[in-house]
Amino acid sequence: MHLSEISHPNQLHGLSIHQLEEIARQIREKHLETVATSGGHLGPGLGVVELTLGLYQTLDLDRDKVIWDVGHQA
């Protein structure tokens, strides 16, 4: 599956580990391209790719809610 084919996170349900790894690779590649062009912080976005895919594959985002906190409290 290609990243461009995904229009809703629930489409990740049922994908194999290999397919999820490929989607993660594509997301990281897109992130690298975007940061190289526009600037910004590279590390945090790369570090959360697998976490996000795992949550989105497991949860039903039509029902379950995910709240991301980008604060720097620590």
N, C-alpha and C. Protein backbone atom coordinates (compact mmCIF):
# COMPACT_ATOMS: atom_id res chain seq x y z
N MET A 1 0.85 -1.18 0.00
CA MET A 1 0.00 0.00 0.00
C MET A 1 0.89 1.24 0.00
N HIS A 2 0.47 2.24 -0.72
CA HIS A 2 1.21 3.50 -0.78
C HIS A 2 0.51 4.54 0.08
N LEU A 3 1.29 5.40 0.68
CA LEU A 3 0.77 6.45 1.56
C LEU A 3 -0.34 7.26 0.89
N SER A 4 -0.20 7.51 -0.40
CA SER A 4 -1.19 8.32 -1.12
C SER A 4 -2.55 7.62 -1.22
N GLU A 5 -2.61 6.32 -0.95
CA GLU A 5 -3.86 5.58 -1.01
C GLU A 5 -4.65 5.66 0.30
N ILE A 6 -4.05 6.23 1.33
CA ILE A 6 -4.70 6.28 2.64
C ILE A 6 -5.40 7.62 2.80
N SER A 7 -6.72 7.56 2.96
CA SER A 7 -7.50 8.79 3.15
C SER A 7 -8.11 8.86 4.55
N HIS A 8 -8.06 7.76 5.30
CA HIS A 8 -8.59 7.73 6.67
C HIS A 8 -7.73 6.77 7.49
N PRO A 9 -7.40 7.15 8.72
CA PRO A 9 -6.55 6.29 9.56
C PRO A 9 -7.08 4.87 9.75
N ASN A 10 -8.40 4.69 9.72
CA ASN A 10 -8.95 3.35 9.91
C ASN A 10 -8.56 2.40 8.79
N GLN A 11 -8.04 2.92 7.68
CA GLN A 11 -7.57 2.06 6.60
C GLN A 11 -6.31 1.29 7.01
N LEU A 12 -5.69 1.66 8.12
CA LEU A 12 -4.52 0.94 8.61
C LEU A 12 -4.91 -0.36 9.29
N HIS A 13 -6.17 -0.51 9.67
CA HIS A 13 -6.64 -1.73 10.33
C HIS A 13 -6.43 -2.92 9.40
N GLY A 14 -5.85 -3.96 9.94
CA GLY A 14 -5.68 -5.19 9.16
C GLY A 14 -4.43 -5.24 8.30
N LEU A 15 -3.65 -4.15 8.26
CA LEU A 15 -2.41 -4.20 7.48
C LEU A 15 -1.38 -5.07 8.19
N SER A 16 -0.54 -5.71 7.42
CA SER A 16 0.51 -6.55 7.99
C SER A 16 1.63 -5.67 8.54
N ILE A 17 2.49 -6.27 9.36
CA ILE A 17 3.65 -5.54 9.89
C ILE A 17 4.49 -5.01 8.74
N HIS A 18 4.68 -5.81 7.71
CA HIS A 18 5.47 -5.38 6.55
C HIS A 18 4.84 -4.14 5.89
N GLN A 19 3.53 -4.16 5.72
CA GLN A 19 2.85 -3.01 5.12
C GLN A 19 2.97 -1.77 6.01
N LEU A 20 2.83 -1.95 7.32
CA LEU A 20 2.97 -0.82 8.24
C LEU A 20 4.39 -0.27 8.23
N GLU A 21 5.39 -1.14 8.14
CA GLU A 21 6.78 -0.68 8.05
C GLU A 21 6.99 0.13 6.78
N GLU A 22 6.38 -0.28 5.69
CA GLU A 22 6.50 0.45 4.43
C GLU A 22 5.82 1.82 4.53
N ILE A 23 4.65 1.88 5.13
CA ILE A 23 3.96 3.16 5.34
C ILE A 23 4.82 4.06 6.22
N ALA A 24 5.41 3.51 7.29
CA ALA A 24 6.29 4.29 8.17
C ALA A 24 7.47 4.84 7.40
N ARG A 25 8.06 4.02 6.53
CA ARG A 25 9.19 4.49 5.71
C ARG A 25 8.76 5.66 4.82
N GLN A 26 7.60 5.55 4.22
CA GLN A 26 7.10 6.61 3.35
C GLN A 26 6.82 7.90 4.13
N ILE A 27 6.27 7.76 5.33
CA ILE A 27 6.00 8.93 6.16
C ILE A 27 7.31 9.62 6.54
N ARG A 28 8.31 8.83 6.97
CA ARG A 28 9.61 9.42 7.34
C ARG A 28 10.26 10.11 6.15
N GLU A 29 10.17 9.50 4.97
CA GLU A 29 10.72 10.10 3.76
C GLU A 29 10.05 11.44 3.46
N LYS A 30 8.73 11.47 3.54
CA LYS A 30 7.97 12.71 3.29
C LYS A 30 8.33 13.77 4.32
N HIS A 31 8.49 13.36 5.58
CA HIS A 31 8.87 14.29 6.64
C HIS A 31 10.25 14.89 6.37
N LEU A 32 11.20 14.04 5.99
CA LEU A 32 12.55 14.52 5.67
C LEU A 32 12.52 15.53 4.52
N GLU A 33 11.76 15.22 3.47
CA GLU A 33 11.64 16.13 2.32
C GLU A 33 11.04 17.47 2.75
N THR A 34 10.00 17.42 3.56
CA THR A 34 9.31 18.63 4.00
C THR A 34 10.21 19.50 4.86
N VAL A 35 10.90 18.90 5.83
CA VAL A 35 11.79 19.67 6.70
C VAL A 35 12.97 20.23 5.92
N ALA A 36 13.48 19.47 4.95
CA ALA A 36 14.58 19.96 4.13
C ALA A 36 14.17 21.17 3.31
N THR A 37 12.92 21.21 2.89
CA THR A 37 12.42 22.32 2.08
C THR A 37 11.99 23.51 2.92
N SER A 38 11.25 23.25 3.98
CA SER A 38 10.61 24.32 4.75
C SER A 38 11.32 24.66 6.05
N GLY A 39 12.19 23.78 6.51
CA GLY A 39 12.82 23.97 7.80
C GLY A 39 11.96 23.39 8.90
N GLY A 40 12.45 23.43 10.10
CA GLY A 40 11.71 22.90 11.23
C GLY A 40 12.51 21.88 11.98
N HIS A 41 11.86 21.21 12.93
CA HIS A 41 12.52 20.23 13.78
C HIS A 41 12.30 18.83 13.22
N LEU A 42 13.38 18.15 12.93
CA LEU A 42 13.31 16.84 12.30
C LEU A 42 13.02 15.72 13.30
N GLY A 43 13.71 15.69 14.41
CA GLY A 43 13.68 14.57 15.34
C GLY A 43 12.33 14.18 15.89
N PRO A 44 11.56 15.11 16.45
CA PRO A 44 10.28 14.72 17.07
C PRO A 44 9.32 14.05 16.09
N GLY A 45 9.27 14.54 14.88
CA GLY A 45 8.37 13.94 13.88
C GLY A 45 8.78 12.53 13.51
N LEU A 46 10.08 12.29 13.42
CA LEU A 46 10.55 10.95 13.10
C LEU A 46 10.30 9.99 14.25
N GLY A 47 10.42 10.49 15.47
CA GLY A 47 10.30 9.64 16.64
C GLY A 47 8.89 9.16 16.93
N VAL A 48 7.91 9.79 16.36
CA VAL A 48 6.52 9.46 16.70
C VAL A 48 5.81 8.68 15.58
N VAL A 49 6.49 8.39 14.49
CA VAL A 49 5.86 7.72 13.36
C VAL A 49 5.28 6.36 13.75
N GLU A 50 6.11 5.48 14.32
CA GLU A 50 5.63 4.14 14.67
C GLU A 50 4.56 4.18 15.76
N LEU A 51 4.72 5.08 16.73
CA LEU A 51 3.72 5.23 17.78
C LEU A 51 2.37 5.60 17.18
N THR A 52 2.38 6.55 16.28
CA THR A 52 1.14 7.01 15.64
C THR A 52 0.50 5.90 14.82
N LEU A 53 1.30 5.20 14.02
CA LEU A 53 0.75 4.11 13.22
C LEU A 53 0.15 3.02 14.12
N GLY A 54 0.83 2.71 15.21
CA GLY A 54 0.31 1.71 16.14
C GLY A 54 -1.02 2.11 16.75
N LEU A 55 -1.11 3.37 17.18
CA LEU A 55 -2.38 3.87 17.73
C LEU A 55 -3.48 3.85 16.69
N TYR A 56 -3.16 4.35 15.50
CA TYR A 56 -4.18 4.46 14.46
C TYR A 56 -4.62 3.10 13.94
N GLN A 57 -3.72 2.11 13.99
CA GLN A 57 -4.11 0.78 13.56
C GLN A 57 -5.01 0.11 14.60
N THR A 58 -4.79 0.43 15.86
CA THR A 58 -5.50 -0.22 16.96
C THR A 58 -6.83 0.44 17.29
N LEU A 59 -6.86 1.76 17.28
CA LEU A 59 -8.06 2.50 17.69
C LEU A 59 -9.04 2.66 16.53
N ASP A 60 -10.28 2.91 16.87
CA ASP A 60 -11.31 3.29 15.90
C ASP A 60 -11.47 4.79 16.00
N LEU A 61 -10.86 5.52 15.10
CA LEU A 61 -10.81 6.98 15.23
C LEU A 61 -12.13 7.67 14.89
N ASP A 62 -13.12 6.92 14.45
CA ASP A 62 -14.45 7.49 14.34
C ASP A 62 -15.10 7.57 15.72
N ARG A 63 -14.61 6.73 16.64
CA ARG A 63 -15.16 6.67 18.00
C ARG A 63 -14.15 7.13 19.04
N ASP A 64 -12.92 6.65 18.94
CA ASP A 64 -11.87 6.97 19.92
C ASP A 64 -11.20 8.29 19.57
N LYS A 65 -10.81 9.02 20.57
CA LYS A 65 -10.16 10.32 20.36
C LYS A 65 -8.71 10.25 20.84
N VAL A 66 -7.83 10.88 20.09
CA VAL A 66 -6.42 10.97 20.44
C VAL A 66 -6.09 12.45 20.61
N ILE A 67 -5.48 12.79 21.72
CA ILE A 67 -5.07 14.18 21.96
C ILE A 67 -3.55 14.19 22.05
N TRP A 68 -2.92 15.00 21.21
CA TRP A 68 -1.47 15.13 21.21
C TRP A 68 -1.09 16.40 21.95
N ASP A 69 -0.12 16.32 22.82
CA ASP A 69 0.38 17.47 23.55
C ASP A 69 1.79 17.75 23.06
N VAL A 70 1.99 18.91 22.50
CA VAL A 70 3.32 19.25 21.97
C VAL A 70 4.06 20.21 22.89
N GLY A 71 3.59 20.34 24.11
CA GLY A 71 4.24 21.23 25.06
C GLY A 71 5.59 20.70 25.51
N HIS A 72 6.36 21.56 26.12
CA HIS A 72 7.70 21.21 26.59
C HIS A 72 7.75 21.34 28.11
N GLN A 73 6.88 20.60 28.80
CA GLN A 73 6.79 20.72 30.24
C GLN A 73 8.02 20.16 30.95
N ALA A 74 8.64 19.15 30.38
CA ALA A 74 9.79 18.53 31.04
C ALA A 74 10.94 19.48 30.94
